[in-house]
Amino acid sequence: MAISTVFRRASSTVATLAFRAARSPVSFRSGAVSAERLILGSQLRRGSIGSFSRFSTESAITKRTADENLVSVIESEIECAVAEEAPHDNNICEDKPEGFPFEIIDTPGERSILLKREFEDETIQVEIDSSPFDDENEEEPNDEAEDQEEDNSFKLPMVVSVSKGDDVCLEFGISAYADEIVIDSLSIKPTTQGSENELAYEGPDFNDLDENLQKAFHRYLEIRGIKPTFISFLGAVLANKDSREYLQWLKDVKSFVEK
């Protein structure tokens, strides 16, 4: 391109800007500022894109590294959980003590296990929560004798219901120990939710009952299979369930992270 041509174009541009400035100083200043902003904005965008690209790449690397580390730790925990399981744990429900009358219903993923049996004209169900069942307020033992005592004093919270095929049942809230069955509550309840009798009077506090009546209710439960001699076995069943649920939980979390 000839120098004269460039000069003419430059002169023309300057003249045009001078003419516009003469007509509207504000417009000229605004246009100049806008042009300056466009140039600066373009530079900033180019810089921002570069920074964002680097940030995105670094974030992706960090996420991948963190996920891989998490999966590795979960795998180690799974190995430990598998190694700690006793060889007979999977068949523990089959090793019922002599005289144990209940069918054990263990639904994977449920917090509790269910015991069920038919006793003459009655249906008896026992729900046992698989959450931690050690006494919360028990202090740490200081010697071996106390350690042994603690092993035998764990508590299983139970809800025992006795029904006879109608719309109500007798429900007991129980704290079961290896050497004692403690009745915490006793009430008559509807067998279906939403019943009109649901808010009915549930009776006095069990400890306020006559002592002979309390003993009679304990005998009532014992005849139906709620005995201290079965509690250690049920504790082992619950501990086994907790281990299996925890192992499955680890596997589910690992599968999600690896997606």
C-alpha atoms as a PDB file:
ATOM      1  CA  MET A   1       0.000   0.000   0.000  1.00  0.00           C
ATOM      2  CA  ALA A   2       1.351   3.453  -0.924  1.00  0.00           C
ATOM      3  CA  ILE A   3       2.371   5.816   1.873  1.00  0.00           C
ATOM      4  CA  SER A   4       0.162   8.518   0.386  1.00  0.00           C
ATOM      5  CA  THR A   5      -2.857   6.238   0.624  1.00  0.00           C
ATOM      6  CA  VAL A   6      -2.193   5.517   4.305  1.00  0.00           C
ATOM      7  CA  PHE A   7      -1.698   9.219   4.916  1.00  0.00           C
ATOM      8  CA  ARG A   8      -4.968  10.062   3.207  1.00  0.00           C
ATOM      9  CA  ARG A   9      -6.870   7.479   5.242  1.00  0.00           C
ATOM     10  CA  ALA A  10      -5.305   8.708   8.446  1.00  0.00           C
ATOM     11  CA  SER A  11      -6.065  12.322   7.523  1.00  0.00           C
ATOM     12  CA  SER A  12      -9.619  11.366   6.672  1.00  0.00           C
ATOM     13  CA  THR A  13     -10.066   9.622  10.019  1.00  0.00           C
ATOM     14  CA  VAL A  14      -8.658  12.565  11.936  1.00  0.00           C
ATOM     15  CA  ALA A  15     -10.849  14.979  10.025  1.00  0.00           C
ATOM     16  CA  THR A  16     -13.926  12.862  10.709  1.00  0.00           C
ATOM     17  CA  LEU A  17     -13.174  12.747  14.418  1.00  0.00           C
ATOM     18  CA  ALA A  18     -12.512  16.492  14.475  1.00  0.00           C
ATOM     19  CA  PHE A  19     -15.811  17.142  12.708  1.00  0.00           C
ATOM     20  CA  ARG A  20     -17.680  14.928  15.194  1.00  0.00           C
ATOM     21  CA  ALA A  21     -15.934  16.599  18.098  1.00  0.00           C
ATOM     22  CA  ALA A  22     -16.932  19.996  16.827  1.00  0.00           C
ATOM     23  CA  ARG A  23     -20.548  18.905  16.574  1.00  0.00           C
ATOM     24  CA  SER A  24     -20.709  17.088  19.899  1.00  0.00           C
ATOM     25  CA  PRO A  25     -17.797  17.162  22.381  1.00  0.00           C
ATOM     26  CA  VAL A  26     -19.694  14.819  24.697  1.00  0.00           C
ATOM     27  CA  SER A  27     -20.250  12.280  21.944  1.00  0.00           C
ATOM     28  CA  PHE A  28     -16.584  12.387  21.022  1.00  0.00           C
ATOM     29  CA  ARG A  29     -15.459  11.824  24.583  1.00  0.00           C
ATOM     30  CA  SER A  30     -17.997   9.041  25.004  1.00  0.00           C
ATOM     31  CA  GLY A  31     -16.864   7.394  21.812  1.00  0.00           C
ATOM     32  CA  ALA A  32     -13.229   7.649  22.828  1.00  0.00           C
ATOM     33  CA  VAL A  33     -13.971   6.172  26.252  1.00  0.00           C
ATOM     34  CA  SER A  34     -16.063   3.411  24.666  1.00  0.00           C
ATOM     35  CA  ALA A  35     -13.273   2.539  22.282  1.00  0.00           C
ATOM     36  CA  GLU A  36     -10.805   2.464  25.138  1.00  0.00           C
ATOM     37  CA  ARG A  37     -13.135   0.207  27.133  1.00  0.00           C
ATOM     38  CA  LEU A  38     -13.559  -2.132  24.190  1.00  0.00           C
ATOM     39  CA  ILE A  39      -9.807  -2.489  23.824  1.00  0.00           C
ATOM     40  CA  LEU A  40      -9.291  -2.977  27.563  1.00  0.00           C
ATOM     41  CA  GLY A  41     -12.235  -5.376  27.789  1.00  0.00           C
ATOM     42  CA  SER A  42     -10.849  -7.429  24.939  1.00  0.00           C
ATOM     43  CA  GLN A  43      -7.506  -7.692  26.697  1.00  0.00           C
ATOM     44  CA  LEU A  44      -9.151  -8.610  29.988  1.00  0.00           C
ATOM     45  CA  ARG A  45     -11.300 -11.241  28.334  1.00  0.00           C
ATOM     46  CA  ARG A  46      -8.280 -12.837  26.726  1.00  0.00           C
ATOM     47  CA  GLY A  47      -6.562 -12.869  30.125  1.00  0.00           C
ATOM     48  CA  SER A  48      -9.691 -14.145  31.910  1.00  0.00           C
ATOM     49  CA  ILE A  49     -10.186 -16.966  29.434  1.00  0.00           C
ATOM     50  CA  GLY A  50      -6.623 -18.052  29.971  1.00  0.00           C
ATOM     51  CA  SER A  51      -6.960 -17.874  33.749  1.00  0.00           C
ATOM     52  CA  PHE A  52     -10.322 -19.675  33.712  1.00  0.00           C
ATOM     53  CA  SER A  53      -8.917 -22.370  31.477  1.00  0.00           C
ATOM     54  CA  ARG A  54      -6.004 -22.934  33.840  1.00  0.00           C
ATOM     55  CA  PHE A  55      -8.332 -22.848  36.861  1.00  0.00           C
ATOM     56  CA  SER A  56     -10.689 -25.386  35.250  1.00  0.00           C
ATOM     57  CA  THR A  57      -7.800 -27.699  34.438  1.00  0.00           C
ATOM     58  CA  GLU A  58      -6.365 -27.420  37.947  1.00  0.00           C
ATOM     59  CA  SER A  59      -9.811 -28.002  39.480  1.00  0.00           C
ATOM     60  CA  ALA A  60     -10.332 -31.094  37.344  1.00  0.00           C
ATOM     61  CA  ILE A  61      -6.946 -32.469  38.402  1.00  0.00           C
ATOM     62  CA  THR A  62      -7.646 -31.701  42.068  1.00  0.00           C
ATOM     63  CA  LYS A  63     -11.077 -33.348  41.908  1.00  0.00           C
ATOM     64  CA  ARG A  64      -9.716 -36.451  40.209  1.00  0.00           C
ATOM     65  CA  THR A  65      -6.880 -36.732  42.724  1.00  0.00           C
ATOM     66  CA  ALA A  66      -9.222 -36.311  45.686  1.00  0.00           C
ATOM     67  CA  ASP A  67     -11.681 -38.869  44.282  1.00  0.00           C
ATOM     68  CA  GLU A  68      -8.933 -41.396  43.614  1.00  0.00           C
ATOM     69  CA  ASN A  69      -7.571 -40.932  47.126  1.00  0.00           C
ATOM     70  CA  LEU A  70     -11.050 -41.383  48.621  1.00  0.00           C
ATOM     71  CA  VAL A  71     -11.638 -44.573  46.634  1.00  0.00           C
ATOM     72  CA  SER A  72      -8.268 -45.919  47.773  1.00  0.00           C
ATOM     73  CA  VAL A  73      -9.096 -45.281  51.436  1.00  0.00           C
ATOM     74  CA  ILE A  74     -12.560 -46.842  51.036  1.00  0.00           C
ATOM     75  CA  GLU A  75     -11.021 -49.938  49.451  1.00  0.00           C
ATOM     76  CA  SER A  76      -8.661 -50.294  52.424  1.00  0.00           C
ATOM     77  CA  GLU A  77     -11.605 -49.959  54.801  1.00  0.00           C
ATOM     78  CA  ILE A  78     -13.530 -52.598  52.845  1.00  0.00           C
ATOM     79  CA  GLU A  79     -10.586 -54.986  53.109  1.00  0.00           C
ATOM     80  CA  CYS A  80     -10.439 -54.449  56.876  1.00  0.00           C
ATOM     81  CA  ALA A  81     -14.195 -54.958  57.232  1.00  0.00           C
ATOM     82  CA  VAL A  82     -14.050 -58.209  55.255  1.00  0.00           C
ATOM     83  CA  ALA A  83     -11.030 -59.464  57.204  1.00  0.00           C
ATOM     84  CA  GLU A  84     -12.707 -58.802  60.556  1.00  0.00           C
ATOM     85  CA  GLU A  85     -15.759 -60.869  59.706  1.00  0.00           C
ATOM     86  CA  ALA A  86     -15.719 -64.304  61.316  1.00  0.00           C
ATOM     87  CA  PRO A  87     -16.061 -67.238  58.877  1.00  0.00           C
ATOM     88  CA  HIS A  88     -19.355 -68.326  60.429  1.00  0.00           C
ATOM     89  CA  ASP A  89     -20.914 -64.850  60.593  1.00  0.00           C
ATOM     90  CA  ASN A  90     -22.978 -65.301  57.444  1.00  0.00           C
ATOM     91  CA  ASN A  91     -24.687 -68.355  58.982  1.00  0.00           C
ATOM     92  CA  ILE A  92     -25.152 -66.961  62.469  1.00  0.00           C
ATOM     93  CA  CYS A  93     -28.931 -66.788  62.106  1.00  0.00           C
ATOM     94  CA  GLU A  94     -28.940 -70.553  61.541  1.00  0.00           C
ATOM     95  CA  ASP A  95     -27.064 -71.206  64.806  1.00  0.00           C
ATOM     96  CA  LYS A  96     -30.117 -70.641  66.976  1.00  0.00           C
ATOM     97  CA  PRO A  97     -29.910 -71.686  70.616  1.00  0.00           C
ATOM     98  CA  GLU A  98     -31.991 -74.609  71.732  1.00  0.00           C
ATOM     99  CA  GLY A  99     -35.623 -73.699  72.242  1.00  0.00           C
ATOM    100  CA  PHE A 100     -35.428 -70.398  70.337  1.00  0.00           C
ATOM    101  CA  PRO A 101     -38.990 -70.108  68.953  1.00  0.00           C
ATOM    102  CA  PHE A 102     -38.806 -67.155  66.567  1.00  0.00           C
ATOM    103  CA  GLU A 103     -38.289 -66.783  62.865  1.00  0.00           C
ATOM    104  CA  ILE A 104     -35.628 -64.132  62.211  1.00  0.00           C
ATOM    105  CA  ILE A 105     -36.542 -61.669  59.448  1.00  0.00           C
ATOM    106  CA  ASP A 106     -33.497 -59.660  58.411  1.00  0.00           C
ATOM    107  CA  THR A 107     -34.226 -57.295  55.519  1.00  0.00           C
ATOM    108  CA  PRO A 108     -31.061 -55.813  53.947  1.00  0.00           C
ATOM    109  CA  GLY A 109     -30.942 -52.047  54.335  1.00  0.00           C
ATOM    110  CA  GLU A 110     -33.348 -51.982  57.289  1.00  0.00           C
ATOM    111  CA  ARG A 111     -32.172 -50.613  60.654  1.00  0.00           C
ATOM    112  CA  SER A 112     -33.861 -53.364  62.638  1.00  0.00           C
ATOM    113  CA  ILE A 113     -34.458 -57.084  62.600  1.00  0.00           C
ATOM    114  CA  LEU A 114     -37.859 -58.640  63.171  1.00  0.00           C
ATOM    115  CA  LEU A 115     -38.666 -61.772  65.161  1.00  0.00           C
ATOM    116  CA  LYS A 116     -41.984 -63.485  64.512  1.00  0.00           C
ATOM    117  CA  ARG A 117     -43.844 -66.518  65.762  1.00  0.00           C
ATOM    118  CA  GLU A 118     -47.328 -67.956  66.127  1.00  0.00           C
ATOM    119  CA  PHE A 119     -48.275 -68.959  69.654  1.00  0.00           C
ATOM    120  CA  GLU A 120     -51.618 -70.739  69.798  1.00  0.00           C
ATOM    121  CA  ASP A 121     -54.129 -68.045  68.742  1.00  0.00           C
ATOM    122  CA  GLU A 122     -51.589 -65.213  68.971  1.00  0.00           C
ATOM    123  CA  THR A 123     -49.115 -63.594  66.601  1.00  0.00           C
ATOM    124  CA  ILE A 124     -46.038 -62.331  68.383  1.00  0.00           C
ATOM    125  CA  GLN A 125     -43.610 -59.897  66.771  1.00  0.00           C
ATOM    126  CA  VAL A 126     -40.420 -58.462  68.214  1.00  0.00           C
ATOM    127  CA  GLU A 127     -38.653 -55.513  66.597  1.00  0.00           C
ATOM    128  CA  ILE A 128     -35.043 -54.978  67.633  1.00  0.00           C
ATOM    129  CA  ASP A 129     -33.160 -51.857  66.594  1.00  0.00           C
ATOM    130  CA  SER A 130     -29.670 -52.513  65.210  1.00  0.00           C
ATOM    131  CA  SER A 131     -28.339 -49.121  66.329  1.00  0.00           C
ATOM    132  CA  PRO A 132     -25.693 -49.183  69.078  1.00  0.00           C
ATOM    133  CA  PHE A 133     -27.129 -50.964  72.082  1.00  0.00           C
ATOM    134  CA  ASP A 134     -24.496 -50.407  74.779  1.00  0.00           C
ATOM    135  CA  ASP A 135     -25.603 -48.406  77.811  1.00  0.00           C
ATOM    136  CA  GLU A 136     -24.852 -44.762  77.025  1.00  0.00           C
ATOM    137  CA  ASN A 137     -24.221 -43.733  80.599  1.00  0.00           C
ATOM    138  CA  GLU A 138     -21.987 -46.645  81.546  1.00  0.00           C
ATOM    139  CA  GLU A 139     -18.529 -45.515  82.615  1.00  0.00           C
ATOM    140  CA  GLU A 140     -15.352 -47.049  81.239  1.00  0.00           C
ATOM    141  CA  PRO A 141     -14.272 -50.046  83.363  1.00  0.00           C
ATOM    142  CA  ASN A 142     -10.899 -49.964  85.110  1.00  0.00           C
ATOM    143  CA  ASP A 143     -10.147 -53.668  85.575  1.00  0.00           C
ATOM    144  CA  GLU A 144     -10.736 -57.044  83.953  1.00  0.00           C
ATOM    145  CA  ALA A 145     -13.611 -57.931  86.255  1.00  0.00           C
ATOM    146  CA  GLU A 146     -15.484 -54.821  85.178  1.00  0.00           C
ATOM    147  CA  ASP A 147     -14.618 -55.593  81.526  1.00  0.00           C
ATOM    148  CA  GLN A 148     -16.250 -58.985  81.833  1.00  0.00           C
ATOM    149  CA  GLU A 149     -19.262 -57.484  83.579  1.00  0.00           C
ATOM    150  CA  GLU A 150     -19.650 -54.928  80.794  1.00  0.00           C
ATOM    151  CA  ASP A 151     -19.608 -57.672  78.160  1.00  0.00           C
ATOM    152  CA  ASN A 152     -22.594 -59.269  79.858  1.00  0.00           C
ATOM    153  CA  SER A 153     -24.588 -56.079  80.453  1.00  0.00           C
ATOM    154  CA  PHE A 154     -25.256 -54.756  76.959  1.00  0.00           C
ATOM    155  CA  LYS A 155     -28.833 -53.725  76.318  1.00  0.00           C
ATOM    156  CA  LEU A 156     -31.110 -54.554  73.415  1.00  0.00           C
ATOM    157  CA  PRO A 157     -34.096 -52.219  72.996  1.00  0.00           C
ATOM    158  CA  MET A 158     -37.121 -54.217  71.872  1.00  0.00           C
ATOM    159  CA  VAL A 159     -40.735 -53.608  70.991  1.00  0.00           C
ATOM    160  CA  VAL A 160     -42.848 -56.723  71.550  1.00  0.00           C
ATOM    161  CA  SER A 161     -46.378 -56.844  70.196  1.00  0.00           C
ATOM    162  CA  VAL A 162     -48.953 -59.569  70.881  1.00  0.00           C
ATOM    163  CA  SER A 163     -52.052 -59.644  68.681  1.00  0.00           C
ATOM    164  CA  LYS A 164     -55.020 -61.989  68.326  1.00  0.00           C
ATOM    165  CA  GLY A 165     -56.201 -61.206  64.837  1.00  0.00           C
ATOM    166  CA  ASP A 166     -58.307 -58.153  65.673  1.00  0.00           C
ATOM    167  CA  ASP A 167     -57.535 -54.446  65.393  1.00  0.00           C
ATOM    168  CA  VAL A 168     -55.600 -54.045  68.660  1.00  0.00           C
ATOM    169  CA  CYS A 169     -52.434 -55.482  70.171  1.00  0.00           C
ATOM    170  CA  LEU A 170     -50.669 -55.511  73.496  1.00  0.00           C
ATOM    171  CA  GLU A 171     -47.346 -53.689  73.076  1.00  0.00           C
ATOM    172  CA  PHE A 172     -44.361 -53.851  75.412  1.00  0.00           C
ATOM    173  CA  GLY A 173     -41.349 -51.560  75.346  1.00  0.00           C
ATOM    174  CA  ILE A 174     -38.441 -53.614  76.656  1.00  0.00           C
ATOM    175  CA  SER A 175     -34.799 -53.240  77.613  1.00  0.00           C
ATOM    176  CA  ALA A 176     -33.347 -56.732  77.299  1.00  0.00           C
ATOM    177  CA  TYR A 177     -30.141 -57.749  79.058  1.00  0.00           C
ATOM    178  CA  ALA A 178     -28.270 -61.047  79.129  1.00  0.00           C
ATOM    179  CA  ASP A 179     -29.469 -61.633  82.689  1.00  0.00           C
ATOM    180  CA  GLU A 180     -32.715 -59.690  82.865  1.00  0.00           C
ATOM    181  CA  ILE A 181     -35.761 -58.508  80.911  1.00  0.00           C
ATOM    182  CA  VAL A 182     -36.890 -55.029  81.936  1.00  0.00           C
ATOM    183  CA  ILE A 183     -40.352 -53.837  80.915  1.00  0.00           C
ATOM    184  CA  ASP A 184     -40.215 -50.083  80.318  1.00  0.00           C
ATOM    185  CA  SER A 185     -43.771 -49.572  79.048  1.00  0.00           C
ATOM    186  CA  LEU A 186     -46.994 -51.404  78.370  1.00  0.00           C
ATOM    187  CA  SER A 187     -49.972 -50.271  76.323  1.00  0.00           C
ATOM    188  CA  ILE A 188     -52.902 -51.365  74.182  1.00  0.00           C
ATOM    189  CA  LYS A 189     -52.442 -50.075  70.644  1.00  0.00           C
ATOM    190  CA  PRO A 190     -54.237 -50.332  67.302  1.00  0.00           C
ATOM    191  CA  THR A 191     -52.671 -52.681  64.775  1.00  0.00           C
ATOM    192  CA  THR A 192     -53.220 -50.182  61.944  1.00  0.00           C
ATOM    193  CA  GLN A 193     -52.075 -46.569  61.837  1.00  0.00           C
ATOM    194  CA  GLY A 194     -54.689 -43.849  61.758  1.00  0.00           C
ATOM    195  CA  SER A 195     -57.110 -45.728  63.959  1.00  0.00           C
ATOM    196  CA  GLU A 196     -59.511 -43.737  66.119  1.00  0.00           C
ATOM    197  CA  ASN A 197     -58.085 -45.501  69.180  1.00  0.00           C
ATOM    198  CA  GLU A 198     -54.541 -44.335  68.509  1.00  0.00           C
ATOM    199  CA  LEU A 199     -54.691 -41.515  71.055  1.00  0.00           C
ATOM    200  CA  ALA A 200     -56.543 -43.492  73.686  1.00  0.00           C
ATOM    201  CA  TYR A 201     -55.317 -43.810  77.267  1.00  0.00           C
ATOM    202  CA  GLU A 202     -52.297 -46.122  77.296  1.00  0.00           C
ATOM    203  CA  GLY A 203     -52.276 -47.017  80.947  1.00  0.00           C
ATOM    204  CA  PRO A 204     -50.074 -46.058  83.900  1.00  0.00           C
ATOM    205  CA  ASP A 205     -46.306 -46.155  84.082  1.00  0.00           C
ATOM    206  CA  PHE A 206     -45.322 -49.805  84.321  1.00  0.00           C
ATOM    207  CA  ASN A 207     -43.233 -49.227  87.446  1.00  0.00           C
ATOM    208  CA  ASP A 208     -46.297 -47.815  89.167  1.00  0.00           C
ATOM    209  CA  LEU A 209     -48.180 -51.098  88.814  1.00  0.00           C
ATOM    210  CA  ASP A 210     -48.602 -53.460  91.722  1.00  0.00           C
ATOM    211  CA  GLU A 211     -45.509 -55.632  92.160  1.00  0.00           C
ATOM    212  CA  ASN A 212     -47.475 -58.852  91.690  1.00  0.00           C
ATOM    213  CA  LEU A 213     -48.945 -57.497  88.452  1.00  0.00           C
ATOM    214  CA  GLN A 214     -45.467 -56.612  87.205  1.00  0.00           C
ATOM    215  CA  LYS A 215     -44.258 -60.153  87.922  1.00  0.00           C
ATOM    216  CA  ALA A 216     -47.269 -61.604  86.131  1.00  0.00           C
ATOM    217  CA  PHE A 217     -46.475 -59.579  82.980  1.00  0.00           C
ATOM    218  CA  HIS A 218     -42.854 -60.741  83.083  1.00  0.00           C
ATOM    219  CA  ARG A 219     -44.082 -64.333  83.246  1.00  0.00           C
ATOM    220  CA  TYR A 220     -46.492 -63.543  80.386  1.00  0.00           C
ATOM    221  CA  LEU A 221     -43.557 -62.533  78.166  1.00  0.00           C
ATOM    222  CA  GLU A 222     -41.333 -65.415  79.264  1.00  0.00           C
ATOM    223  CA  ILE A 223     -43.947 -67.973  78.235  1.00  0.00           C
ATOM    224  CA  ARG A 224     -44.005 -66.364  74.783  1.00  0.00           C
ATOM    225  CA  GLY A 225     -40.237 -66.628  74.302  1.00  0.00           C
ATOM    226  CA  ILE A 226     -38.894 -63.334  75.633  1.00  0.00           C
ATOM    227  CA  LYS A 227     -36.121 -64.714  77.823  1.00  0.00           C
ATOM    228  CA  PRO A 228     -32.678 -63.484  78.949  1.00  0.00           C
ATOM    229  CA  THR A 229     -31.128 -66.755  77.721  1.00  0.00           C
ATOM    230  CA  PHE A 230     -31.684 -65.668  74.106  1.00  0.00           C
ATOM    231  CA  ILE A 231     -30.298 -62.138  74.409  1.00  0.00           C
ATOM    232  CA  SER A 232     -26.614 -62.911  73.846  1.00  0.00           C
ATOM    233  CA  PHE A 233     -27.512 -64.737  70.641  1.00  0.00           C
ATOM    234  CA  LEU A 234     -29.659 -61.836  69.453  1.00  0.00           C
ATOM    235  CA  GLY A 235     -26.844 -59.419  70.289  1.00  0.00           C
ATOM    236  CA  ALA A 236     -24.520 -61.440  68.030  1.00  0.00           C
ATOM    237  CA  VAL A 237     -27.146 -61.379  65.259  1.00  0.00           C
ATOM    238  CA  LEU A 238     -27.409 -57.602  65.504  1.00  0.00           C
ATOM    239  CA  ALA A 239     -23.638 -57.113  65.578  1.00  0.00           C
ATOM    240  CA  ASN A 240     -23.362 -59.256  62.458  1.00  0.00           C
ATOM    241  CA  LYS A 241     -26.089 -57.259  60.738  1.00  0.00           C
ATOM    242  CA  ASP A 242     -24.374 -53.992  61.602  1.00  0.00           C
ATOM    243  CA  SER A 243     -21.111 -55.278  60.073  1.00  0.00           C
ATOM    244  CA  ARG A 244     -22.838 -56.385  56.883  1.00  0.00           C
ATOM    245  CA  GLU A 245     -24.769 -53.145  56.526  1.00  0.00           C
ATOM    246  CA  TYR A 246     -21.584 -51.136  57.049  1.00  0.00           C
ATOM    247  CA  LEU A 247     -19.723 -53.193  54.439  1.00  0.00           C
ATOM    248  CA  GLN A 248     -22.522 -52.722  51.922  1.00  0.00           C
ATOM    249  CA  TRP A 249     -22.604 -49.005  52.687  1.00  0.00           C
ATOM    250  CA  LEU A 250     -18.883 -48.733  51.936  1.00  0.00           C
ATOM    251  CA  LYS A 251     -19.390 -50.525  48.626  1.00  0.00           C
ATOM    252  CA  ASP A 252     -22.293 -48.246  47.684  1.00  0.00           C
ATOM    253  CA  VAL A 253     -20.275 -45.106  48.474  1.00  0.00           C
ATOM    254  CA  LYS A 254     -17.283 -46.406  46.494  1.00  0.00           C
ATOM    255  CA  SER A 255     -19.538 -47.176  43.519  1.00  0.00           C
ATOM    256  CA  PHE A 256     -20.976 -43.647  43.596  1.00  0.00           C
ATOM    257  CA  VAL A 257     -17.581 -41.934  43.796  1.00  0.00           C
ATOM    258  CA  GLU A 258     -16.246 -44.025  40.906  1.00  0.00           C
ATOM    259  CA  LYS A 259     -19.083 -43.045  38.524  1.00  0.00           C
END
